[in-house]
Amino acid sequence: MKTIEIESIEAISSLDLSYVIFFWKEYEPNSVVLAYDELVKRGYPISGNFYDKMSEFRKKNPISESEKGVL
């Protein structure tokens, strides 16, 4: 599975981060959460398809206590 390092996340384009959400099955769950958090910080628009993918991800990966303030 692919991983995104927190140290490099600011250098990744918003479009590339959105791909992490759409193809979440290819990434470590923590990487998906990091990508989502960064997109929210950037004010990236959350469309219907984007929201659906995050809902699908969350069904398989429930929110942990540490993420509740983030998501």
Protein backbone atom coordinates (compact mmCIF):
# COMPACT_ATOMS: atom_id res chain seq x y z
CA MET A 1 0.00 0.00 0.00
CA LYS A 2 1.12 3.54 -0.74
CA THR A 3 2.02 5.97 2.02
CA ILE A 4 2.12 9.75 2.25
CA GLU A 5 4.62 11.22 4.67
CA ILE A 6 3.43 14.15 6.75
CA GLU A 7 6.71 15.95 6.08
CA SER A 8 6.02 16.07 2.34
CA ILE A 9 2.28 16.65 2.29
CA GLU A 10 2.51 20.41 1.75
CA ALA A 11 4.48 19.83 -1.45
CA ILE A 12 1.76 17.61 -2.93
CA SER A 13 -0.78 19.35 -5.17
CA SER A 14 -4.44 19.46 -4.16
CA LEU A 15 -5.33 17.48 -7.25
CA ASP A 16 -2.90 14.70 -6.30
CA LEU A 17 -4.25 14.68 -2.75
CA SER A 18 -7.78 14.34 -4.08
CA TYR A 19 -6.63 11.24 -6.01
CA VAL A 20 -5.63 9.72 -2.67
CA ILE A 21 -9.26 10.07 -1.58
CA PHE A 22 -10.69 8.67 -4.81
CA PHE A 23 -8.28 5.72 -4.81
CA TRP A 24 -8.19 5.24 -1.05
CA LYS A 25 -7.97 1.44 -1.30
CA GLU A 26 -4.40 1.83 -2.64
CA TYR A 27 -3.23 3.88 0.38
CA GLU A 28 -2.59 3.32 4.05
CA PRO A 29 -5.56 4.64 6.08
CA ASN A 30 -3.37 7.22 7.83
CA SER A 31 -2.33 8.59 4.43
CA VAL A 32 -5.97 9.03 3.42
CA VAL A 33 -6.69 10.90 6.65
CA LEU A 34 -3.62 13.11 6.14
CA ALA A 35 -4.67 13.89 2.56
CA TYR A 36 -8.21 14.74 3.63
CA ASP A 37 -7.03 16.93 6.49
CA GLU A 38 -4.68 18.84 4.18
CA LEU A 39 -7.41 19.35 1.58
CA VAL A 40 -9.74 20.74 4.25
CA LYS A 41 -6.99 23.10 5.43
CA ARG A 42 -6.56 24.32 1.85
CA GLY A 43 -10.28 24.94 1.44
CA TYR A 44 -10.55 22.33 -1.32
CA PRO A 45 -14.20 21.94 -2.44
CA ILE A 46 -15.82 18.76 -1.17
CA SER A 47 -18.09 17.59 -4.00
CA GLY A 48 -20.67 14.82 -3.96
CA ASN A 49 -18.29 12.21 -5.39
CA PHE A 50 -15.52 13.27 -3.02
CA TYR A 51 -17.89 13.02 -0.05
CA ASP A 52 -19.09 9.59 -1.23
CA LYS A 53 -15.52 8.29 -1.40
CA MET A 54 -14.78 9.50 2.13
CA SER A 55 -17.99 7.87 3.36
CA GLU A 56 -16.94 4.62 1.71
CA PHE A 57 -13.50 4.93 3.33
CA ARG A 58 -15.04 5.61 6.75
CA LYS A 59 -17.24 2.51 6.55
CA LYS A 60 -14.06 0.43 6.36
CA ASN A 61 -11.96 2.72 8.62
CA PRO A 62 -13.97 4.30 11.45
CA ILE A 63 -12.77 7.58 12.94
CA SER A 64 -10.35 7.10 15.81
CA GLU A 65 -10.39 9.25 18.95
CA SER A 66 -7.35 11.21 17.75
CA GLU A 67 -9.07 12.10 14.47
CA LYS A 68 -12.35 13.36 15.90
CA GLY A 69 -11.07 16.93 16.04
CA VAL A 70 -9.75 16.71 12.48
CA LEU A 71 -12.64 15.19 10.55
